[in-house]
């Protein structure tokens, strides 16, 4: 597919650079121009007999990966829980799945990931537990520096993400802007910076030349 729009050209150039830098940090990294190509690549990265789970991610849903694994893999789905207690149990189980699906809140041009979390289950899976982590990341989440990436996670991703939860009345939910709150309902309790994939290739990142997620 020919990509000749200025934004597409920029995304292709930047995406290739980011993938190269991610690989230097021992991530398995791939660049796909479109959502359709990203879905194909992600499926290739998930063995057929793997048990799959995921964290809250709009990106994996936008490329169709969430529906695919629900229909074609054994999954641990916290949204299938019939009680809050069962939901917590499933979230804990997901930390020992074979493949965990997620995105990242932001990423630097030189391949450092920044993730912000409320309960901590998503960043816990990123750091330790599942055998493999597959990330879907739109180039729109790439930032120049680490400070820029942290700022994006706090001031763009979190205030948008909170709007999905009608029961959480944090300042960013009410005002649309981060107030650096200390609310018990804060979705910014954990901020995790990932510099390197350890073990090597545990974290597999599909960088996509389209806007995905928040």
C-alpha atoms as a PDB file:
ATOM      1  CA  UNK A   1       0.000   0.000   0.000  1.00  0.00           C
ATOM      2  CA  UNK A   2       1.407   3.358  -1.020  1.00  0.00           C
ATOM      3  CA  UNK A   3       1.817   5.791   1.833  1.00  0.00           C
ATOM      4  CA  UNK A   4       2.514   9.294   0.610  1.00  0.00           C
ATOM      5  CA  UNK A   5       0.720  11.532   3.074  1.00  0.00           C
ATOM      6  CA  UNK A   6       3.081  13.626   5.225  1.00  0.00           C
ATOM      7  CA  UNK A   7       1.897  12.046   8.492  1.00  0.00           C
ATOM      8  CA  UNK A   8       2.265   8.525   7.077  1.00  0.00           C
ATOM      9  CA  UNK A   9       5.754   9.249   5.785  1.00  0.00           C
ATOM     10  CA  UNK A  10       6.784  10.662   9.159  1.00  0.00           C
ATOM     11  CA  UNK A  11       5.313   7.656  11.017  1.00  0.00           C
ATOM     12  CA  UNK A  12       7.151   5.197   8.747  1.00  0.00           C
ATOM     13  CA  UNK A  13      10.469   6.970   9.278  1.00  0.00           C
ATOM     14  CA  UNK A  14      10.032   7.338  13.028  1.00  0.00           C
ATOM     15  CA  UNK A  15       8.642   3.822  13.426  1.00  0.00           C
ATOM     16  CA  UNK A  16      11.705   2.278  11.779  1.00  0.00           C
ATOM     17  CA  UNK A  17      13.996   4.300  14.054  1.00  0.00           C
ATOM     18  CA  UNK A  18      12.124   3.314  17.203  1.00  0.00           C
ATOM     19  CA  UNK A  19      12.136  -0.389  16.285  1.00  0.00           C
ATOM     20  CA  UNK A  20      15.899  -0.290  15.761  1.00  0.00           C
ATOM     21  CA  UNK A  21      16.375   1.300  19.181  1.00  0.00           C
ATOM     22  CA  UNK A  22      14.020  -1.161  20.871  1.00  0.00           C
ATOM     23  CA  UNK A  23      15.981  -4.065  19.435  1.00  0.00           C
ATOM     24  CA  UNK A  24      19.172  -2.614  20.928  1.00  0.00           C
ATOM     25  CA  UNK A  25      17.436  -2.869  24.303  1.00  0.00           C
ATOM     26  CA  UNK A  26      16.682  -6.581  23.728  1.00  0.00           C
ATOM     27  CA  UNK A  27      12.987  -6.190  22.935  1.00  0.00           C
ATOM     28  CA  UNK A  28      11.607  -8.152  19.987  1.00  0.00           C
ATOM     29  CA  UNK A  29      10.329  -5.237  17.928  1.00  0.00           C
ATOM     30  CA  UNK A  30       8.518  -4.993  14.607  1.00  0.00           C
ATOM     31  CA  UNK A  31       7.086  -2.152  12.534  1.00  0.00           C
ATOM     32  CA  UNK A  32       3.740  -2.521  10.787  1.00  0.00           C
ATOM     33  CA  UNK A  33       2.261   0.278   8.729  1.00  0.00           C
ATOM     34  CA  UNK A  34      -1.402  -0.625   9.338  1.00  0.00           C
ATOM     35  CA  UNK A  35      -3.717  -2.120  11.946  1.00  0.00           C
ATOM     36  CA  UNK A  36      -4.352  -5.083   9.666  1.00  0.00           C
ATOM     37  CA  UNK A  37      -0.645  -5.888   9.370  1.00  0.00           C
ATOM     38  CA  UNK A  38      -0.216  -5.389  13.116  1.00  0.00           C
ATOM     39  CA  UNK A  39      -2.947  -7.931  13.833  1.00  0.00           C
ATOM     40  CA  UNK A  40      -1.267 -10.509  11.599  1.00  0.00           C
ATOM     41  CA  UNK A  41       2.090  -9.968  13.278  1.00  0.00           C
ATOM     42  CA  UNK A  42       0.599 -10.143  16.779  1.00  0.00           C
ATOM     43  CA  UNK A  43      -1.122 -13.446  15.981  1.00  0.00           C
ATOM     44  CA  UNK A  44       2.213 -14.844  14.797  1.00  0.00           C
ATOM     45  CA  UNK A  45       3.716 -13.963  18.187  1.00  0.00           C
ATOM     46  CA  UNK A  46       1.118 -15.917  20.222  1.00  0.00           C
ATOM     47  CA  UNK A  47       1.550 -19.727  20.131  1.00  0.00           C
ATOM     48  CA  UNK A  48      -1.710 -21.600  19.570  1.00  0.00           C
ATOM     49  CA  UNK A  49      -1.556 -23.430  22.904  1.00  0.00           C
ATOM     50  CA  UNK A  50      -0.810 -20.328  24.993  1.00  0.00           C
ATOM     51  CA  UNK A  51      -3.139 -19.143  27.745  1.00  0.00           C
ATOM     52  CA  UNK A  52      -3.661 -15.430  27.079  1.00  0.00           C
ATOM     53  CA  UNK A  53      -4.718 -12.526  29.255  1.00  0.00           C
ATOM     54  CA  UNK A  54      -4.514  -8.745  28.999  1.00  0.00           C
ATOM     55  CA  UNK A  55      -4.570  -5.445  30.808  1.00  0.00           C
ATOM     56  CA  UNK A  56      -6.813  -2.511  30.071  1.00  0.00           C
ATOM     57  CA  UNK A  57      -5.825  -1.525  26.533  1.00  0.00           C
ATOM     58  CA  UNK A  58      -7.735   0.267  23.818  1.00  0.00           C
ATOM     59  CA  UNK A  59      -4.993  -0.437  21.272  1.00  0.00           C
ATOM     60  CA  UNK A  60      -5.322  -4.235  21.343  1.00  0.00           C
ATOM     61  CA  UNK A  61      -9.053  -3.813  20.830  1.00  0.00           C
ATOM     62  CA  UNK A  62      -8.667  -1.306  17.989  1.00  0.00           C
ATOM     63  CA  UNK A  63      -6.609  -3.698  15.854  1.00  0.00           C
ATOM     64  CA  UNK A  64      -8.986  -6.615  16.510  1.00  0.00           C
ATOM     65  CA  UNK A  65      -6.565  -8.624  18.643  1.00  0.00           C
ATOM     66  CA  UNK A  66      -8.827  -8.846  21.683  1.00  0.00           C
ATOM     67  CA  UNK A  67     -11.664 -10.434  19.729  1.00  0.00           C
ATOM     68  CA  UNK A  68      -9.237 -12.762  17.980  1.00  0.00           C
ATOM     69  CA  UNK A  69      -7.758 -14.251  21.164  1.00  0.00           C
ATOM     70  CA  UNK A  70     -11.181 -14.612  22.771  1.00  0.00           C
ATOM     71  CA  UNK A  71     -12.274 -16.701  19.810  1.00  0.00           C
ATOM     72  CA  UNK A  72      -9.039 -18.612  19.129  1.00  0.00           C
ATOM     73  CA  UNK A  73      -7.074 -18.975  22.378  1.00  0.00           C
ATOM     74  CA  UNK A  74      -7.692 -20.095  25.938  1.00  0.00           C
ATOM     75  CA  UNK A  75      -8.048 -16.847  27.879  1.00  0.00           C
ATOM     76  CA  UNK A  76      -8.224 -15.466  31.384  1.00  0.00           C
ATOM     77  CA  UNK A  77     -10.805 -12.671  31.091  1.00  0.00           C
ATOM     78  CA  UNK A  78     -11.405 -10.595  34.204  1.00  0.00           C
ATOM     79  CA  UNK A  79     -14.539  -9.137  32.620  1.00  0.00           C
ATOM     80  CA  UNK A  80     -16.155 -12.589  32.792  1.00  0.00           C
ATOM     81  CA  UNK A  81     -16.138 -12.420  36.611  1.00  0.00           C
ATOM     82  CA  UNK A  82     -19.475 -12.618  38.388  1.00  0.00           C
ATOM     83  CA  UNK A  83     -18.299 -10.796  41.518  1.00  0.00           C
ATOM     84  CA  UNK A  84     -15.602  -8.311  42.557  1.00  0.00           C
ATOM     85  CA  UNK A  85     -13.823 -11.107  44.420  1.00  0.00           C
ATOM     86  CA  UNK A  86     -13.738 -13.321  41.319  1.00  0.00           C
ATOM     87  CA  UNK A  87     -12.459 -10.390  39.261  1.00  0.00           C
ATOM     88  CA  UNK A  88      -9.506  -9.929  41.626  1.00  0.00           C
ATOM     89  CA  UNK A  89      -8.839 -13.675  41.499  1.00  0.00           C
ATOM     90  CA  UNK A  90      -8.753 -13.637  37.687  1.00  0.00           C
ATOM     91  CA  UNK A  91      -6.460 -10.602  37.665  1.00  0.00           C
ATOM     92  CA  UNK A  92      -4.041 -12.488  39.911  1.00  0.00           C
ATOM     93  CA  UNK A  93      -4.273 -15.579  37.704  1.00  0.00           C
ATOM     94  CA  UNK A  94      -3.425 -13.489  34.665  1.00  0.00           C
ATOM     95  CA  UNK A  95       0.014 -12.760  36.114  1.00  0.00           C
ATOM     96  CA  UNK A  96       0.925 -16.387  35.408  1.00  0.00           C
ATOM     97  CA  UNK A  97      -0.506 -16.662  31.908  1.00  0.00           C
ATOM     98  CA  UNK A  98       1.658 -17.585  28.916  1.00  0.00           C
ATOM     99  CA  UNK A  99       1.113 -14.398  26.887  1.00  0.00           C
ATOM    100  CA  UNK A 100      -0.043 -11.070  28.303  1.00  0.00           C
ATOM    101  CA  UNK A 101      -1.372  -8.417  25.905  1.00  0.00           C
ATOM    102  CA  UNK A 102      -1.078  -4.685  26.509  1.00  0.00           C
ATOM    103  CA  UNK A 103       0.043  -1.379  25.078  1.00  0.00           C
ATOM    104  CA  UNK A 104       2.247   1.274  26.632  1.00  0.00           C
ATOM    105  CA  UNK A 105       1.196   4.731  27.748  1.00  0.00           C
ATOM    106  CA  UNK A 106       4.216   6.267  26.061  1.00  0.00           C
ATOM    107  CA  UNK A 107       7.622   5.415  24.656  1.00  0.00           C
ATOM    108  CA  UNK A 108      10.762   7.387  23.904  1.00  0.00           C
ATOM    109  CA  UNK A 109      12.400   7.537  20.499  1.00  0.00           C
ATOM    110  CA  UNK A 110      15.339   5.614  21.932  1.00  0.00           C
ATOM    111  CA  UNK A 111      13.153   2.743  23.119  1.00  0.00           C
ATOM    112  CA  UNK A 112      12.272   3.320  26.783  1.00  0.00           C
ATOM    113  CA  UNK A 113       8.711   2.435  27.866  1.00  0.00           C
ATOM    114  CA  UNK A 114       6.640   4.430  30.368  1.00  0.00           C
ATOM    115  CA  UNK A 115       3.519   2.933  31.913  1.00  0.00           C
ATOM    116  CA  UNK A 116       1.175   4.278  34.541  1.00  0.00           C
ATOM    117  CA  UNK A 117      -1.323   2.106  36.425  1.00  0.00           C
ATOM    118  CA  UNK A 118      -3.947   2.243  39.128  1.00  0.00           C
ATOM    119  CA  UNK A 119      -4.245  -1.284  40.538  1.00  0.00           C
ATOM    120  CA  UNK A 120      -0.775  -2.242  39.332  1.00  0.00           C
ATOM    121  CA  UNK A 121      -1.793  -5.534  37.681  1.00  0.00           C
ATOM    122  CA  UNK A 122      -0.854  -4.373  34.179  1.00  0.00           C
ATOM    123  CA  UNK A 123       2.616  -3.129  35.107  1.00  0.00           C
ATOM    124  CA  UNK A 124       3.124  -6.170  37.344  1.00  0.00           C
ATOM    125  CA  UNK A 125       2.612  -8.436  34.316  1.00  0.00           C
ATOM    126  CA  UNK A 126       4.997  -6.299  32.294  1.00  0.00           C
ATOM    127  CA  UNK A 127       7.707  -6.591  34.939  1.00  0.00           C
ATOM    128  CA  UNK A 128       7.389 -10.237  35.962  1.00  0.00           C
ATOM    129  CA  UNK A 129       5.155 -13.291  35.652  1.00  0.00           C
ATOM    130  CA  UNK A 130       3.870 -14.100  32.163  1.00  0.00           C
ATOM    131  CA  UNK A 131       6.258 -15.952  29.867  1.00  0.00           C
ATOM    132  CA  UNK A 132       5.702 -13.400  27.111  1.00  0.00           C
ATOM    133  CA  UNK A 133       4.318  -9.888  26.794  1.00  0.00           C
ATOM    134  CA  UNK A 134       2.979  -8.663  23.429  1.00  0.00           C
ATOM    135  CA  UNK A 135       2.562  -4.905  23.099  1.00  0.00           C
ATOM    136  CA  UNK A 136       0.685  -3.001  20.402  1.00  0.00           C
ATOM    137  CA  UNK A 137       1.887   0.614  20.199  1.00  0.00           C
ATOM    138  CA  UNK A 138       0.795   3.345  17.816  1.00  0.00           C
ATOM    139  CA  UNK A 139       3.500   5.786  16.723  1.00  0.00           C
ATOM    140  CA  UNK A 140       1.362   8.559  18.240  1.00  0.00           C
ATOM    141  CA  UNK A 141       2.675   7.421  21.636  1.00  0.00           C
ATOM    142  CA  UNK A 142       6.337   8.011  20.769  1.00  0.00           C
ATOM    143  CA  UNK A 143       7.947  10.958  22.582  1.00  0.00           C
ATOM    144  CA  UNK A 144      11.325  12.627  22.221  1.00  0.00           C
ATOM    145  CA  UNK A 145      12.650  12.274  25.771  1.00  0.00           C
ATOM    146  CA  UNK A 146      11.902  10.358  28.956  1.00  0.00           C
ATOM    147  CA  UNK A 147      10.530  13.515  30.585  1.00  0.00           C
ATOM    148  CA  UNK A 148       8.213  13.951  27.591  1.00  0.00           C
ATOM    149  CA  UNK A 149       7.075  10.341  27.884  1.00  0.00           C
ATOM    150  CA  UNK A 150       6.317  10.636  31.591  1.00  0.00           C
ATOM    151  CA  UNK A 151       4.433  13.865  30.930  1.00  0.00           C
ATOM    152  CA  UNK A 152       2.399  12.188  28.206  1.00  0.00           C
ATOM    153  CA  UNK A 153       1.447   9.326  30.513  1.00  0.00           C
ATOM    154  CA  UNK A 154       0.394  11.674  33.301  1.00  0.00           C
ATOM    155  CA  UNK A 155      -1.163  14.545  31.358  1.00  0.00           C
ATOM    156  CA  UNK A 156      -2.628  12.917  28.245  1.00  0.00           C
ATOM    157  CA  UNK A 157      -3.102   9.165  28.697  1.00  0.00           C
ATOM    158  CA  UNK A 158      -4.371   9.147  32.295  1.00  0.00           C
ATOM    159  CA  UNK A 159      -6.933  11.985  32.021  1.00  0.00           C
ATOM    160  CA  UNK A 160      -8.400  10.304  28.928  1.00  0.00           C
ATOM    161  CA  UNK A 161      -8.323   6.785  30.355  1.00  0.00           C
ATOM    162  CA  UNK A 162     -10.135   7.845  33.526  1.00  0.00           C
ATOM    163  CA  UNK A 163     -13.155   8.877  31.451  1.00  0.00           C
ATOM    164  CA  UNK A 164     -13.841   5.166  30.850  1.00  0.00           C
ATOM    165  CA  UNK A 165     -14.570   4.675  34.562  1.00  0.00           C
ATOM    166  CA  UNK A 166     -17.749   6.424  35.697  1.00  0.00           C
ATOM    167  CA  UNK A 167     -17.256   5.320  39.305  1.00  0.00           C
ATOM    168  CA  UNK A 168     -13.919   7.096  39.762  1.00  0.00           C
ATOM    169  CA  UNK A 169     -14.303  10.805  40.548  1.00  0.00           C
ATOM    170  CA  UNK A 170     -10.688  11.957  40.543  1.00  0.00           C
ATOM    171  CA  UNK A 171      -9.725  15.564  39.686  1.00  0.00           C
ATOM    172  CA  UNK A 172      -8.680  14.498  36.186  1.00  0.00           C
ATOM    173  CA  UNK A 173     -12.085  12.847  35.691  1.00  0.00           C
ATOM    174  CA  UNK A 174     -13.896  15.996  36.759  1.00  0.00           C
ATOM    175  CA  UNK A 175     -11.574  18.589  35.173  1.00  0.00           C
ATOM    176  CA  UNK A 176      -9.841  16.726  32.328  1.00  0.00           C
ATOM    177  CA  UNK A 177      -6.415  17.701  33.626  1.00  0.00           C
ATOM    178  CA  UNK A 178      -3.914  16.052  35.980  1.00  0.00           C
ATOM    179  CA  UNK A 179      -3.895  17.603  39.472  1.00  0.00           C
ATOM    180  CA  UNK A 180      -1.112  15.362  40.833  1.00  0.00           C
ATOM    181  CA  UNK A 181      -3.753  14.074  43.237  1.00  0.00           C
ATOM    182  CA  UNK A 182      -3.360  11.698  46.164  1.00  0.00           C
ATOM    183  CA  UNK A 183      -6.880  10.330  45.813  1.00  0.00           C
ATOM    184  CA  UNK A 184      -7.523   6.720  46.855  1.00  0.00           C
ATOM    185  CA  UNK A 185      -9.177   6.382  43.434  1.00  0.00           C
ATOM    186  CA  UNK A 186      -6.098   7.578  41.528  1.00  0.00           C
ATOM    187  CA  UNK A 187      -5.167   5.569  38.447  1.00  0.00           C
ATOM    188  CA  UNK A 188      -1.607   6.917  38.733  1.00  0.00           C
ATOM    189  CA  UNK A 189      -0.432   4.889  41.721  1.00  0.00           C
ATOM    190  CA  UNK A 190       2.358   3.115  39.834  1.00  0.00           C
ATOM    191  CA  UNK A 191       4.693   4.673  37.255  1.00  0.00           C
ATOM    192  CA  UNK A 192       7.023   2.100  35.690  1.00  0.00           C
ATOM    193  CA  UNK A 193       9.958   2.829  33.373  1.00  0.00           C
ATOM    194  CA  UNK A 194      11.176  -0.152  31.346  1.00  0.00           C
ATOM    195  CA  UNK A 195      14.648   0.307  29.856  1.00  0.00           C
ATOM    196  CA  UNK A 196      15.448  -3.226  28.756  1.00  0.00           C
ATOM    197  CA  UNK A 197      13.610  -6.498  28.098  1.00  0.00           C
ATOM    198  CA  UNK A 198      14.726  -9.095  30.602  1.00  0.00           C
ATOM    199  CA  UNK A 199      14.777 -11.944  29.797  1.00  0.00           C
ATOM    200  CA  UNK A 200      15.855 -11.087  26.263  1.00  0.00           C
ATOM    201  CA  UNK A 201      12.872 -11.037  23.891  1.00  0.00           C
ATOM    202  CA  UNK A 202      10.287 -11.575  26.631  1.00  0.00           C
ATOM    203  CA  UNK A 203       8.650  -8.277  25.636  1.00  0.00           C
ATOM    204  CA  UNK A 204       7.553  -8.187  22.016  1.00  0.00           C
ATOM    205  CA  UNK A 205       6.519  -4.809  20.640  1.00  0.00           C
ATOM    206  CA  UNK A 206       4.548  -4.225  17.463  1.00  0.00           C
ATOM    207  CA  UNK A 207       4.913  -0.554  16.538  1.00  0.00           C
ATOM    208  CA  UNK A 208       2.078   0.563  14.273  1.00  0.00           C
ATOM    209  CA  UNK A 209       2.108   3.452  11.815  1.00  0.00           C
ATOM    210  CA  UNK A 210      -1.343   4.642  12.857  1.00  0.00           C
ATOM    211  CA  UNK A 211      -2.830   6.454  15.847  1.00  0.00           C
ATOM    212  CA  UNK A 212      -3.879   3.896  18.446  1.00  0.00           C
ATOM    213  CA  UNK A 213      -5.132   4.242  21.999  1.00  0.00           C
ATOM    214  CA  UNK A 214      -4.740   7.312  24.182  1.00  0.00           C
END
